[in-house]
């Protein structure tokens, strides 16, 4: 029942030059 599944929205700091590969 996919509508119950949590979904993660991840947005790195916009100043991170690595973009989506920025370190969390």
PDBML (XML) file of the C-alpha atoms, coordinates in Angstrom:
<?xml version="1.0" encoding="UTF-8" ?>
<PDBx:datablock datablockName="MODEL"
   xmlns:PDBx="http://pdbml.pdb.org/schema/pdbx-v50.xsd"
   xmlns:xsi="http://www.w3.org/2001/XMLSchema-instance"
   xsi:schemaLocation="http://pdbml.pdb.org/schema/pdbx-v50.xsd pdbx-v50.xsd">
   <PDBx:atom_siteCategory>
      <PDBx:atom_site id="1">
         <PDBx:B_iso_or_equiv>0.00</PDBx:B_iso_or_equiv>
         <PDBx:Cartn_x>0.000</PDBx:Cartn_x>
         <PDBx:Cartn_y>0.000</PDBx:Cartn_y>
         <PDBx:Cartn_z>0.000</PDBx:Cartn_z>
         <PDBx:auth_asym_id>A</PDBx:auth_asym_id>
         <PDBx:auth_atom_id>CA</PDBx:auth_atom_id>
         <PDBx:auth_comp_id>UNK</PDBx:auth_comp_id>
         <PDBx:auth_seq_id>1</PDBx:auth_seq_id>
         <PDBx:group_PDB>ATOM</PDBx:group_PDB>
         <PDBx:label_alt_id xsi:nil="true" />
         <PDBx:label_asym_id>A</PDBx:label_asym_id>
         <PDBx:label_atom_id>CA</PDBx:label_atom_id>
         <PDBx:label_comp_id>UNK</PDBx:label_comp_id>
         <PDBx:label_entity_id>1</PDBx:label_entity_id>
         <PDBx:label_seq_id>1</PDBx:label_seq_id>
         <PDBx:occupancy>1.00</PDBx:occupancy>
         <PDBx:pdbx_PDB_model_num>1</PDBx:pdbx_PDB_model_num>
         <PDBx:type_symbol>C</PDBx:type_symbol>
      </PDBx:atom_site>
      <PDBx:atom_site id="2">
         <PDBx:B_iso_or_equiv>0.00</PDBx:B_iso_or_equiv>
         <PDBx:Cartn_x>2.360</PDBx:Cartn_x>
         <PDBx:Cartn_y>2.607</PDBx:Cartn_y>
         <PDBx:Cartn_z>-1.335</PDBx:Cartn_z>
         <PDBx:auth_asym_id>A</PDBx:auth_asym_id>
         <PDBx:auth_atom_id>CA</PDBx:auth_atom_id>
         <PDBx:auth_comp_id>UNK</PDBx:auth_comp_id>
         <PDBx:auth_seq_id>2</PDBx:auth_seq_id>
         <PDBx:group_PDB>ATOM</PDBx:group_PDB>
         <PDBx:label_alt_id xsi:nil="true" />
         <PDBx:label_asym_id>A</PDBx:label_asym_id>
         <PDBx:label_atom_id>CA</PDBx:label_atom_id>
         <PDBx:label_comp_id>UNK</PDBx:label_comp_id>
         <PDBx:label_entity_id>1</PDBx:label_entity_id>
         <PDBx:label_seq_id>2</PDBx:label_seq_id>
         <PDBx:occupancy>1.00</PDBx:occupancy>
         <PDBx:pdbx_PDB_model_num>1</PDBx:pdbx_PDB_model_num>
         <PDBx:type_symbol>C</PDBx:type_symbol>
      </PDBx:atom_site>
      <PDBx:atom_site id="3">
         <PDBx:B_iso_or_equiv>0.00</PDBx:B_iso_or_equiv>
         <PDBx:Cartn_x>0.346</PDBx:Cartn_x>
         <PDBx:Cartn_y>5.598</PDBx:Cartn_y>
         <PDBx:Cartn_z>-0.133</PDBx:Cartn_z>
         <PDBx:auth_asym_id>A</PDBx:auth_asym_id>
         <PDBx:auth_atom_id>CA</PDBx:auth_atom_id>
         <PDBx:auth_comp_id>UNK</PDBx:auth_comp_id>
         <PDBx:auth_seq_id>3</PDBx:auth_seq_id>
         <PDBx:group_PDB>ATOM</PDBx:group_PDB>
         <PDBx:label_alt_id xsi:nil="true" />
         <PDBx:label_asym_id>A</PDBx:label_asym_id>
         <PDBx:label_atom_id>CA</PDBx:label_atom_id>
         <PDBx:label_comp_id>UNK</PDBx:label_comp_id>
         <PDBx:label_entity_id>1</PDBx:label_entity_id>
         <PDBx:label_seq_id>3</PDBx:label_seq_id>
         <PDBx:occupancy>1.00</PDBx:occupancy>
         <PDBx:pdbx_PDB_model_num>1</PDBx:pdbx_PDB_model_num>
         <PDBx:type_symbol>C</PDBx:type_symbol>
      </PDBx:atom_site>
      <PDBx:atom_site id="4">
         <PDBx:B_iso_or_equiv>0.00</PDBx:B_iso_or_equiv>
         <PDBx:Cartn_x>1.292</PDBx:Cartn_x>
         <PDBx:Cartn_y>4.655</PDBx:Cartn_y>
         <PDBx:Cartn_z>3.430</PDBx:Cartn_z>
         <PDBx:auth_asym_id>A</PDBx:auth_asym_id>
         <PDBx:auth_atom_id>CA</PDBx:auth_atom_id>
         <PDBx:auth_comp_id>UNK</PDBx:auth_comp_id>
         <PDBx:auth_seq_id>4</PDBx:auth_seq_id>
         <PDBx:group_PDB>ATOM</PDBx:group_PDB>
         <PDBx:label_alt_id xsi:nil="true" />
         <PDBx:label_asym_id>A</PDBx:label_asym_id>
         <PDBx:label_atom_id>CA</PDBx:label_atom_id>
         <PDBx:label_comp_id>UNK</PDBx:label_comp_id>
         <PDBx:label_entity_id>1</PDBx:label_entity_id>
         <PDBx:label_seq_id>4</PDBx:label_seq_id>
         <PDBx:occupancy>1.00</PDBx:occupancy>
         <PDBx:pdbx_PDB_model_num>1</PDBx:pdbx_PDB_model_num>
         <PDBx:type_symbol>C</PDBx:type_symbol>
      </PDBx:atom_site>
      <PDBx:atom_site id="5">
         <PDBx:B_iso_or_equiv>0.00</PDBx:B_iso_or_equiv>
         <PDBx:Cartn_x>5.011</PDBx:Cartn_x>
         <PDBx:Cartn_y>4.488</PDBx:Cartn_y>
         <PDBx:Cartn_z>2.727</PDBx:Cartn_z>
         <PDBx:auth_asym_id>A</PDBx:auth_asym_id>
         <PDBx:auth_atom_id>CA</PDBx:auth_atom_id>
         <PDBx:auth_comp_id>UNK</PDBx:auth_comp_id>
         <PDBx:auth_seq_id>5</PDBx:auth_seq_id>
         <PDBx:group_PDB>ATOM</PDBx:group_PDB>
         <PDBx:label_alt_id xsi:nil="true" />
         <PDBx:label_asym_id>A</PDBx:label_asym_id>
         <PDBx:label_atom_id>CA</PDBx:label_atom_id>
         <PDBx:label_comp_id>UNK</PDBx:label_comp_id>
         <PDBx:label_entity_id>1</PDBx:label_entity_id>
         <PDBx:label_seq_id>5</PDBx:label_seq_id>
         <PDBx:occupancy>1.00</PDBx:occupancy>
         <PDBx:pdbx_PDB_model_num>1</PDBx:pdbx_PDB_model_num>
         <PDBx:type_symbol>C</PDBx:type_symbol>
      </PDBx:atom_site>
      <PDBx:atom_site id="6">
         <PDBx:B_iso_or_equiv>0.00</PDBx:B_iso_or_equiv>
         <PDBx:Cartn_x>7.114</PDBx:Cartn_x>
         <PDBx:Cartn_y>7.337</PDBx:Cartn_y>
         <PDBx:Cartn_z>4.076</PDBx:Cartn_z>
         <PDBx:auth_asym_id>A</PDBx:auth_asym_id>
         <PDBx:auth_atom_id>CA</PDBx:auth_atom_id>
         <PDBx:auth_comp_id>UNK</PDBx:auth_comp_id>
         <PDBx:auth_seq_id>6</PDBx:auth_seq_id>
         <PDBx:group_PDB>ATOM</PDBx:group_PDB>
         <PDBx:label_alt_id xsi:nil="true" />
         <PDBx:label_asym_id>A</PDBx:label_asym_id>
         <PDBx:label_atom_id>CA</PDBx:label_atom_id>
         <PDBx:label_comp_id>UNK</PDBx:label_comp_id>
         <PDBx:label_entity_id>1</PDBx:label_entity_id>
         <PDBx:label_seq_id>6</PDBx:label_seq_id>
         <PDBx:occupancy>1.00</PDBx:occupancy>
         <PDBx:pdbx_PDB_model_num>1</PDBx:pdbx_PDB_model_num>
         <PDBx:type_symbol>C</PDBx:type_symbol>
      </PDBx:atom_site>
      <PDBx:atom_site id="7">
         <PDBx:B_iso_or_equiv>0.00</PDBx:B_iso_or_equiv>
         <PDBx:Cartn_x>8.924</PDBx:Cartn_x>
         <PDBx:Cartn_y>9.262</PDBx:Cartn_y>
         <PDBx:Cartn_z>1.380</PDBx:Cartn_z>
         <PDBx:auth_asym_id>A</PDBx:auth_asym_id>
         <PDBx:auth_atom_id>CA</PDBx:auth_atom_id>
         <PDBx:auth_comp_id>UNK</PDBx:auth_comp_id>
         <PDBx:auth_seq_id>7</PDBx:auth_seq_id>
         <PDBx:group_PDB>ATOM</PDBx:group_PDB>
         <PDBx:label_alt_id xsi:nil="true" />
         <PDBx:label_asym_id>A</PDBx:label_asym_id>
         <PDBx:label_atom_id>CA</PDBx:label_atom_id>
         <PDBx:label_comp_id>UNK</PDBx:label_comp_id>
         <PDBx:label_entity_id>1</PDBx:label_entity_id>
         <PDBx:label_seq_id>7</PDBx:label_seq_id>
         <PDBx:occupancy>1.00</PDBx:occupancy>
         <PDBx:pdbx_PDB_model_num>1</PDBx:pdbx_PDB_model_num>
         <PDBx:type_symbol>C</PDBx:type_symbol>
      </PDBx:atom_site>
      <PDBx:atom_site id="8">
         <PDBx:B_iso_or_equiv>0.00</PDBx:B_iso_or_equiv>
         <PDBx:Cartn_x>12.049</PDBx:Cartn_x>
         <PDBx:Cartn_y>11.265</PDBx:Cartn_y>
         <PDBx:Cartn_z>1.995</PDBx:Cartn_z>
         <PDBx:auth_asym_id>A</PDBx:auth_asym_id>
         <PDBx:auth_atom_id>CA</PDBx:auth_atom_id>
         <PDBx:auth_comp_id>UNK</PDBx:auth_comp_id>
         <PDBx:auth_seq_id>8</PDBx:auth_seq_id>
         <PDBx:group_PDB>ATOM</PDBx:group_PDB>
         <PDBx:label_alt_id xsi:nil="true" />
         <PDBx:label_asym_id>A</PDBx:label_asym_id>
         <PDBx:label_atom_id>CA</PDBx:label_atom_id>
         <PDBx:label_comp_id>UNK</PDBx:label_comp_id>
         <PDBx:label_entity_id>1</PDBx:label_entity_id>
         <PDBx:label_seq_id>8</PDBx:label_seq_id>
         <PDBx:occupancy>1.00</PDBx:occupancy>
         <PDBx:pdbx_PDB_model_num>1</PDBx:pdbx_PDB_model_num>
         <PDBx:type_symbol>C</PDBx:type_symbol>
      </PDBx:atom_site>
      <PDBx:atom_site id="9">
         <PDBx:B_iso_or_equiv>0.00</PDBx:B_iso_or_equiv>
         <PDBx:Cartn_x>12.542</PDBx:Cartn_x>
         <PDBx:Cartn_y>14.674</PDBx:Cartn_y>
         <PDBx:Cartn_z>0.482</PDBx:Cartn_z>
         <PDBx:auth_asym_id>A</PDBx:auth_asym_id>
         <PDBx:auth_atom_id>CA</PDBx:auth_atom_id>
         <PDBx:auth_comp_id>UNK</PDBx:auth_comp_id>
         <PDBx:auth_seq_id>9</PDBx:auth_seq_id>
         <PDBx:group_PDB>ATOM</PDBx:group_PDB>
         <PDBx:label_alt_id xsi:nil="true" />
         <PDBx:label_asym_id>A</PDBx:label_asym_id>
         <PDBx:label_atom_id>CA</PDBx:label_atom_id>
         <PDBx:label_comp_id>UNK</PDBx:label_comp_id>
         <PDBx:label_entity_id>1</PDBx:label_entity_id>
         <PDBx:label_seq_id>9</PDBx:label_seq_id>
         <PDBx:occupancy>1.00</PDBx:occupancy>
         <PDBx:pdbx_PDB_model_num>1</PDBx:pdbx_PDB_model_num>
         <PDBx:type_symbol>C</PDBx:type_symbol>
      </PDBx:atom_site>
      <PDBx:atom_site id="10">
         <PDBx:B_iso_or_equiv>0.00</PDBx:B_iso_or_equiv>
         <PDBx:Cartn_x>16.256</PDBx:Cartn_x>
         <PDBx:Cartn_y>15.456</PDBx:Cartn_y>
         <PDBx:Cartn_z>0.644</PDBx:Cartn_z>
         <PDBx:auth_asym_id>A</PDBx:auth_asym_id>
         <PDBx:auth_atom_id>CA</PDBx:auth_atom_id>
         <PDBx:auth_comp_id>UNK</PDBx:auth_comp_id>
         <PDBx:auth_seq_id>10</PDBx:auth_seq_id>
         <PDBx:group_PDB>ATOM</PDBx:group_PDB>
         <PDBx:label_alt_id xsi:nil="true" />
         <PDBx:label_asym_id>A</PDBx:label_asym_id>
         <PDBx:label_atom_id>CA</PDBx:label_atom_id>
         <PDBx:label_comp_id>UNK</PDBx:label_comp_id>
         <PDBx:label_entity_id>1</PDBx:label_entity_id>
         <PDBx:label_seq_id>10</PDBx:label_seq_id>
         <PDBx:occupancy>1.00</PDBx:occupancy>
         <PDBx:pdbx_PDB_model_num>1</PDBx:pdbx_PDB_model_num>
         <PDBx:type_symbol>C</PDBx:type_symbol>
      </PDBx:atom_site>
      <PDBx:atom_site id="11">
         <PDBx:B_iso_or_equiv>0.00</PDBx:B_iso_or_equiv>
         <PDBx:Cartn_x>17.689</PDBx:Cartn_x>
         <PDBx:Cartn_y>18.803</PDBx:Cartn_y>
         <PDBx:Cartn_z>-0.369</PDBx:Cartn_z>
         <PDBx:auth_asym_id>A</PDBx:auth_asym_id>
         <PDBx:auth_atom_id>CA</PDBx:auth_atom_id>
         <PDBx:auth_comp_id>UNK</PDBx:auth_comp_id>
         <PDBx:auth_seq_id>11</PDBx:auth_seq_id>
         <PDBx:group_PDB>ATOM</PDBx:group_PDB>
         <PDBx:label_alt_id xsi:nil="true" />
         <PDBx:label_asym_id>A</PDBx:label_asym_id>
         <PDBx:label_atom_id>CA</PDBx:label_atom_id>
         <PDBx:label_comp_id>UNK</PDBx:label_comp_id>
         <PDBx:label_entity_id>1</PDBx:label_entity_id>
         <PDBx:label_seq_id>11</PDBx:label_seq_id>
         <PDBx:occupancy>1.00</PDBx:occupancy>
         <PDBx:pdbx_PDB_model_num>1</PDBx:pdbx_PDB_model_num>
         <PDBx:type_symbol>C</PDBx:type_symbol>
      </PDBx:atom_site>
      <PDBx:atom_site id="12">
         <PDBx:B_iso_or_equiv>0.00</PDBx:B_iso_or_equiv>
         <PDBx:Cartn_x>21.389</PDBx:Cartn_x>
         <PDBx:Cartn_y>19.423</PDBx:Cartn_y>
         <PDBx:Cartn_z>0.294</PDBx:Cartn_z>
         <PDBx:auth_asym_id>A</PDBx:auth_asym_id>
         <PDBx:auth_atom_id>CA</PDBx:auth_atom_id>
         <PDBx:auth_comp_id>UNK</PDBx:auth_comp_id>
         <PDBx:auth_seq_id>12</PDBx:auth_seq_id>
         <PDBx:group_PDB>ATOM</PDBx:group_PDB>
         <PDBx:label_alt_id xsi:nil="true" />
         <PDBx:label_asym_id>A</PDBx:label_asym_id>
         <PDBx:label_atom_id>CA</PDBx:label_atom_id>
         <PDBx:label_comp_id>UNK</PDBx:label_comp_id>
         <PDBx:label_entity_id>1</PDBx:label_entity_id>
         <PDBx:label_seq_id>12</PDBx:label_seq_id>
         <PDBx:occupancy>1.00</PDBx:occupancy>
         <PDBx:pdbx_PDB_model_num>1</PDBx:pdbx_PDB_model_num>
         <PDBx:type_symbol>C</PDBx:type_symbol>
      </PDBx:atom_site>
      <PDBx:atom_site id="13">
         <PDBx:B_iso_or_equiv>0.00</PDBx:B_iso_or_equiv>
         <PDBx:Cartn_x>22.546</PDBx:Cartn_x>
         <PDBx:Cartn_y>22.869</PDBx:Cartn_y>
         <PDBx:Cartn_z>1.386</PDBx:Cartn_z>
         <PDBx:auth_asym_id>A</PDBx:auth_asym_id>
         <PDBx:auth_atom_id>CA</PDBx:auth_atom_id>
         <PDBx:auth_comp_id>UNK</PDBx:auth_comp_id>
         <PDBx:auth_seq_id>13</PDBx:auth_seq_id>
         <PDBx:group_PDB>ATOM</PDBx:group_PDB>
         <PDBx:label_alt_id xsi:nil="true" />
         <PDBx:label_asym_id>A</PDBx:label_asym_id>
         <PDBx:label_atom_id>CA</PDBx:label_atom_id>
         <PDBx:label_comp_id>UNK</PDBx:label_comp_id>
         <PDBx:label_entity_id>1</PDBx:label_entity_id>
         <PDBx:label_seq_id>13</PDBx:label_seq_id>
         <PDBx:occupancy>1.00</PDBx:occupancy>
         <PDBx:pdbx_PDB_model_num>1</PDBx:pdbx_PDB_model_num>
         <PDBx:type_symbol>C</PDBx:type_symbol>
      </PDBx:atom_site>
      <PDBx:atom_site id="14">
         <PDBx:B_iso_or_equiv>0.00</PDBx:B_iso_or_equiv>
         <PDBx:Cartn_x>22.424</PDBx:Cartn_x>
         <PDBx:Cartn_y>24.988</PDBx:Cartn_y>
         <PDBx:Cartn_z>-1.731</PDBx:Cartn_z>
         <PDBx:auth_asym_id>A</PDBx:auth_asym_id>
         <PDBx:auth_atom_id>CA</PDBx:auth_atom_id>
         <PDBx:auth_comp_id>UNK</PDBx:auth_comp_id>
         <PDBx:auth_seq_id>14</PDBx:auth_seq_id>
         <PDBx:group_PDB>ATOM</PDBx:group_PDB>
         <PDBx:label_alt_id xsi:nil="true" />
         <PDBx:label_asym_id>A</PDBx:label_asym_id>
         <PDBx:label_atom_id>CA</PDBx:label_atom_id>
         <PDBx:label_comp_id>UNK</PDBx:label_comp_id>
         <PDBx:label_entity_id>1</PDBx:label_entity_id>
         <PDBx:label_seq_id>14</PDBx:label_seq_id>
         <PDBx:occupancy>1.00</PDBx:occupancy>
         <PDBx:pdbx_PDB_model_num>1</PDBx:pdbx_PDB_model_num>
         <PDBx:type_symbol>C</PDBx:type_symbol>
      </PDBx:atom_site>
      <PDBx:atom_site id="15">
         <PDBx:B_iso_or_equiv>0.00</PDBx:B_iso_or_equiv>
         <PDBx:Cartn_x>25.920</PDBx:Cartn_x>
         <PDBx:Cartn_y>26.224</PDBx:Cartn_y>
         <PDBx:Cartn_z>-1.105</PDBx:Cartn_z>
         <PDBx:auth_asym_id>A</PDBx:auth_asym_id>
         <PDBx:auth_atom_id>CA</PDBx:auth_atom_id>
         <PDBx:auth_comp_id>UNK</PDBx:auth_comp_id>
         <PDBx:auth_seq_id>15</PDBx:auth_seq_id>
         <PDBx:group_PDB>ATOM</PDBx:group_PDB>
         <PDBx:label_alt_id xsi:nil="true" />
         <PDBx:label_asym_id>A</PDBx:label_asym_id>
         <PDBx:label_atom_id>CA</PDBx:label_atom_id>
         <PDBx:label_comp_id>UNK</PDBx:label_comp_id>
         <PDBx:label_entity_id>1</PDBx:label_entity_id>
         <PDBx:label_seq_id>15</PDBx:label_seq_id>
         <PDBx:occupancy>1.00</PDBx:occupancy>
         <PDBx:pdbx_PDB_model_num>1</PDBx:pdbx_PDB_model_num>
         <PDBx:type_symbol>C</PDBx:type_symbol>
      </PDBx:atom_site>
      <PDBx:atom_site id="16">
         <PDBx:B_iso_or_equiv>0.00</PDBx:B_iso_or_equiv>
         <PDBx:Cartn_x>27.322</PDBx:Cartn_x>
         <PDBx:Cartn_y>22.695</PDBx:Cartn_y>
         <PDBx:Cartn_z>-1.309</PDBx:Cartn_z>
         <PDBx:auth_asym_id>A</PDBx:auth_asym_id>
         <PDBx:auth_atom_id>CA</PDBx:auth_atom_id>
         <PDBx:auth_comp_id>UNK</PDBx:auth_comp_id>
         <PDBx:auth_seq_id>16</PDBx:auth_seq_id>
         <PDBx:group_PDB>ATOM</PDBx:group_PDB>
         <PDBx:label_alt_id xsi:nil="true" />
         <PDBx:label_asym_id>A</PDBx:label_asym_id>
         <PDBx:label_atom_id>CA</PDBx:label_atom_id>
         <PDBx:label_comp_id>UNK</PDBx:label_comp_id>
         <PDBx:label_entity_id>1</PDBx:label_entity_id>
         <PDBx:label_seq_id>16</PDBx:label_seq_id>
         <PDBx:occupancy>1.00</PDBx:occupancy>
         <PDBx:pdbx_PDB_model_num>1</PDBx:pdbx_PDB_model_num>
         <PDBx:type_symbol>C</PDBx:type_symbol>
      </PDBx:atom_site>
      <PDBx:atom_site id="17">
         <PDBx:B_iso_or_equiv>0.00</PDBx:B_iso_or_equiv>
         <PDBx:Cartn_x>29.402</PDBx:Cartn_x>
         <PDBx:Cartn_y>22.339</PDBx:Cartn_y>
         <PDBx:Cartn_z>-4.467</PDBx:Cartn_z>
         <PDBx:auth_asym_id>A</PDBx:auth_asym_id>
         <PDBx:auth_atom_id>CA</PDBx:auth_atom_id>
         <PDBx:auth_comp_id>UNK</PDBx:auth_comp_id>
         <PDBx:auth_seq_id>17</PDBx:auth_seq_id>
         <PDBx:group_PDB>ATOM</PDBx:group_PDB>
         <PDBx:label_alt_id xsi:nil="true" />
         <PDBx:label_asym_id>A</PDBx:label_asym_id>
         <PDBx:label_atom_id>CA</PDBx:label_atom_id>
         <PDBx:label_comp_id>UNK</PDBx:label_comp_id>
         <PDBx:label_entity_id>1</PDBx:label_entity_id>
         <PDBx:label_seq_id>17</PDBx:label_seq_id>
         <PDBx:occupancy>1.00</PDBx:occupancy>
         <PDBx:pdbx_PDB_model_num>1</PDBx:pdbx_PDB_model_num>
         <PDBx:type_symbol>C</PDBx:type_symbol>
      </PDBx:atom_site>
      <PDBx:atom_site id="18">
         <PDBx:B_iso_or_equiv>0.00</PDBx:B_iso_or_equiv>
         <PDBx:Cartn_x>28.887</PDBx:Cartn_x>
         <PDBx:Cartn_y>18.565</PDBx:Cartn_y>
         <PDBx:Cartn_z>-4.404</PDBx:Cartn_z>
         <PDBx:auth_asym_id>A</PDBx:auth_asym_id>
         <PDBx:auth_atom_id>CA</PDBx:auth_atom_id>
         <PDBx:auth_comp_id>UNK</PDBx:auth_comp_id>
         <PDBx:auth_seq_id>18</PDBx:auth_seq_id>
         <PDBx:group_PDB>ATOM</PDBx:group_PDB>
         <PDBx:label_alt_id xsi:nil="true" />
         <PDBx:label_asym_id>A</PDBx:label_asym_id>
         <PDBx:label_atom_id>CA</PDBx:label_atom_id>
         <PDBx:label_comp_id>UNK</PDBx:label_comp_id>
         <PDBx:label_entity_id>1</PDBx:label_entity_id>
         <PDBx:label_seq_id>18</PDBx:label_seq_id>
         <PDBx:occupancy>1.00</PDBx:occupancy>
         <PDBx:pdbx_PDB_model_num>1</PDBx:pdbx_PDB_model_num>
         <PDBx:type_symbol>C</PDBx:type_symbol>
      </PDBx:atom_site>
      <PDBx:atom_site id="19">
         <PDBx:B_iso_or_equiv>0.00</PDBx:B_iso_or_equiv>
         <PDBx:Cartn_x>25.151</PDBx:Cartn_x>
         <PDBx:Cartn_y>18.979</PDBx:Cartn_y>
         <PDBx:Cartn_z>-5.063</PDBx:Cartn_z>
         <PDBx:auth_asym_id>A</PDBx:auth_asym_id>
         <PDBx:auth_atom_id>CA</PDBx:auth_atom_id>
         <PDBx:auth_comp_id>UNK</PDBx:auth_comp_id>
         <PDBx:auth_seq_id>19</PDBx:auth_seq_id>
         <PDBx:group_PDB>ATOM</PDBx:group_PDB>
         <PDBx:label_alt_id xsi:nil="true" />
         <PDBx:label_asym_id>A</PDBx:label_asym_id>
         <PDBx:label_atom_id>CA</PDBx:label_atom_id>
         <PDBx:label_comp_id>UNK</PDBx:label_comp_id>
         <PDBx:label_entity_id>1</PDBx:label_entity_id>
         <PDBx:label_seq_id>19</PDBx:label_seq_id>
         <PDBx:occupancy>1.00</PDBx:occupancy>
         <PDBx:pdbx_PDB_model_num>1</PDBx:pdbx_PDB_model_num>
         <PDBx:type_symbol>C</PDBx:type_symbol>
      </PDBx:atom_site>
      <PDBx:atom_site id="20">
         <PDBx:B_iso_or_equiv>0.00</PDBx:B_iso_or_equiv>
         <PDBx:Cartn_x>23.136</PDBx:Cartn_x>
         <PDBx:Cartn_y>15.849</PDBx:Cartn_y>
         <PDBx:Cartn_z>-4.264</PDBx:Cartn_z>
         <PDBx:auth_asym_id>A</PDBx:auth_asym_id>
         <PDBx:auth_atom_id>CA</PDBx:auth_atom_id>
         <PDBx:auth_comp_id>UNK</PDBx:auth_comp_id>
         <PDBx:auth_seq_id>20</PDBx:auth_seq_id>
         <PDBx:group_PDB>ATOM</PDBx:group_PDB>
         <PDBx:label_alt_id xsi:nil="true" />
         <PDBx:label_asym_id>A</PDBx:label_asym_id>
         <PDBx:label_atom_id>CA</PDBx:label_atom_id>
         <PDBx:label_comp_id>UNK</PDBx:label_comp_id>
         <PDBx:label_entity_id>1</PDBx:label_entity_id>
         <PDBx:label_seq_id>20</PDBx:label_seq_id>
         <PDBx:occupancy>1.00</PDBx:occupancy>
         <PDBx:pdbx_PDB_model_num>1</PDBx:pdbx_PDB_model_num>
         <PDBx:type_symbol>C</PDBx:type_symbol>
      </PDBx:atom_site>
      <PDBx:atom_site id="21">
         <PDBx:B_iso_or_equiv>0.00</PDBx:B_iso_or_equiv>
         <PDBx:Cartn_x>26.356</PDBx:Cartn_x>
         <PDBx:Cartn_y>14.123</PDBx:Cartn_y>
         <PDBx:Cartn_z>-3.190</PDBx:Cartn_z>
         <PDBx:auth_asym_id>A</PDBx:auth_asym_id>
         <PDBx:auth_atom_id>CA</PDBx:auth_atom_id>
         <PDBx:auth_comp_id>UNK</PDBx:auth_comp_id>
         <PDBx:auth_seq_id>21</PDBx:auth_seq_id>
         <PDBx:group_PDB>ATOM</PDBx:group_PDB>
         <PDBx:label_alt_id xsi:nil="true" />
         <PDBx:label_asym_id>A</PDBx:label_asym_id>
         <PDBx:label_atom_id>CA</PDBx:label_atom_id>
         <PDBx:label_comp_id>UNK</PDBx:label_comp_id>
         <PDBx:label_entity_id>1</PDBx:label_entity_id>
         <PDBx:label_seq_id>21</PDBx:label_seq_id>
         <PDBx:occupancy>1.00</PDBx:occupancy>
         <PDBx:pdbx_PDB_model_num>1</PDBx:pdbx_PDB_model_num>
         <PDBx:type_symbol>C</PDBx:type_symbol>
      </PDBx:atom_site>
      <PDBx:atom_site id="22">
         <PDBx:B_iso_or_equiv>0.00</PDBx:B_iso_or_equiv>
         <PDBx:Cartn_x>26.902</PDBx:Cartn_x>
         <PDBx:Cartn_y>16.689</PDBx:Cartn_y>
         <PDBx:Cartn_z>-0.443</PDBx:Cartn_z>
         <PDBx:auth_asym_id>A</PDBx:auth_asym_id>
         <PDBx:auth_atom_id>CA</PDBx:auth_atom_id>
         <PDBx:auth_comp_id>UNK</PDBx:auth_comp_id>
         <PDBx:auth_seq_id>22</PDBx:auth_seq_id>
         <PDBx:group_PDB>ATOM</PDBx:group_PDB>
         <PDBx:label_alt_id xsi:nil="true" />
         <PDBx:label_asym_id>A</PDBx:label_asym_id>
         <PDBx:label_atom_id>CA</PDBx:label_atom_id>
         <PDBx:label_comp_id>UNK</PDBx:label_comp_id>
         <PDBx:label_entity_id>1</PDBx:label_entity_id>
         <PDBx:label_seq_id>22</PDBx:label_seq_id>
         <PDBx:occupancy>1.00</PDBx:occupancy>
         <PDBx:pdbx_PDB_model_num>1</PDBx:pdbx_PDB_model_num>
         <PDBx:type_symbol>C</PDBx:type_symbol>
      </PDBx:atom_site>
      <PDBx:atom_site id="23">
         <PDBx:B_iso_or_equiv>0.00</PDBx:B_iso_or_equiv>
         <PDBx:Cartn_x>27.716</PDBx:Cartn_x>
         <PDBx:Cartn_y>15.068</PDBx:Cartn_y>
         <PDBx:Cartn_z>2.885</PDBx:Cartn_z>
         <PDBx:auth_asym_id>A</PDBx:auth_asym_id>
         <PDBx:auth_atom_id>CA</PDBx:auth_atom_id>
         <PDBx:auth_comp_id>UNK</PDBx:auth_comp_id>
         <PDBx:auth_seq_id>23</PDBx:auth_seq_id>
         <PDBx:group_PDB>ATOM</PDBx:group_PDB>
         <PDBx:label_alt_id xsi:nil="true" />
         <PDBx:label_asym_id>A</PDBx:label_asym_id>
         <PDBx:label_atom_id>CA</PDBx:label_atom_id>
         <PDBx:label_comp_id>UNK</PDBx:label_comp_id>
         <PDBx:label_entity_id>1</PDBx:label_entity_id>
         <PDBx:label_seq_id>23</PDBx:label_seq_id>
         <PDBx:occupancy>1.00</PDBx:occupancy>
         <PDBx:pdbx_PDB_model_num>1</PDBx:pdbx_PDB_model_num>
         <PDBx:type_symbol>C</PDBx:type_symbol>
      </PDBx:atom_site>
      <PDBx:atom_site id="24">
         <PDBx:B_iso_or_equiv>0.00</PDBx:B_iso_or_equiv>
         <PDBx:Cartn_x>24.850</PDBx:Cartn_x>
         <PDBx:Cartn_y>14.616</PDBx:Cartn_y>
         <PDBx:Cartn_z>5.313</PDBx:Cartn_z>
         <PDBx:auth_asym_id>A</PDBx:auth_asym_id>
         <PDBx:auth_atom_id>CA</PDBx:auth_atom_id>
         <PDBx:auth_comp_id>UNK</PDBx:auth_comp_id>
         <PDBx:auth_seq_id>24</PDBx:auth_seq_id>
         <PDBx:group_PDB>ATOM</PDBx:group_PDB>
         <PDBx:label_alt_id xsi:nil="true" />
         <PDBx:label_asym_id>A</PDBx:label_asym_id>
         <PDBx:label_atom_id>CA</PDBx:label_atom_id>
         <PDBx:label_comp_id>UNK</PDBx:label_comp_id>
         <PDBx:label_entity_id>1</PDBx:label_entity_id>
         <PDBx:label_seq_id>24</PDBx:label_seq_id>
         <PDBx:occupancy>1.00</PDBx:occupancy>
         <PDBx:pdbx_PDB_model_num>1</PDBx:pdbx_PDB_model_num>
         <PDBx:type_symbol>C</PDBx:type_symbol>
      </PDBx:atom_site>
   </PDBx:atom_siteCategory>
</PDBx:datablock>
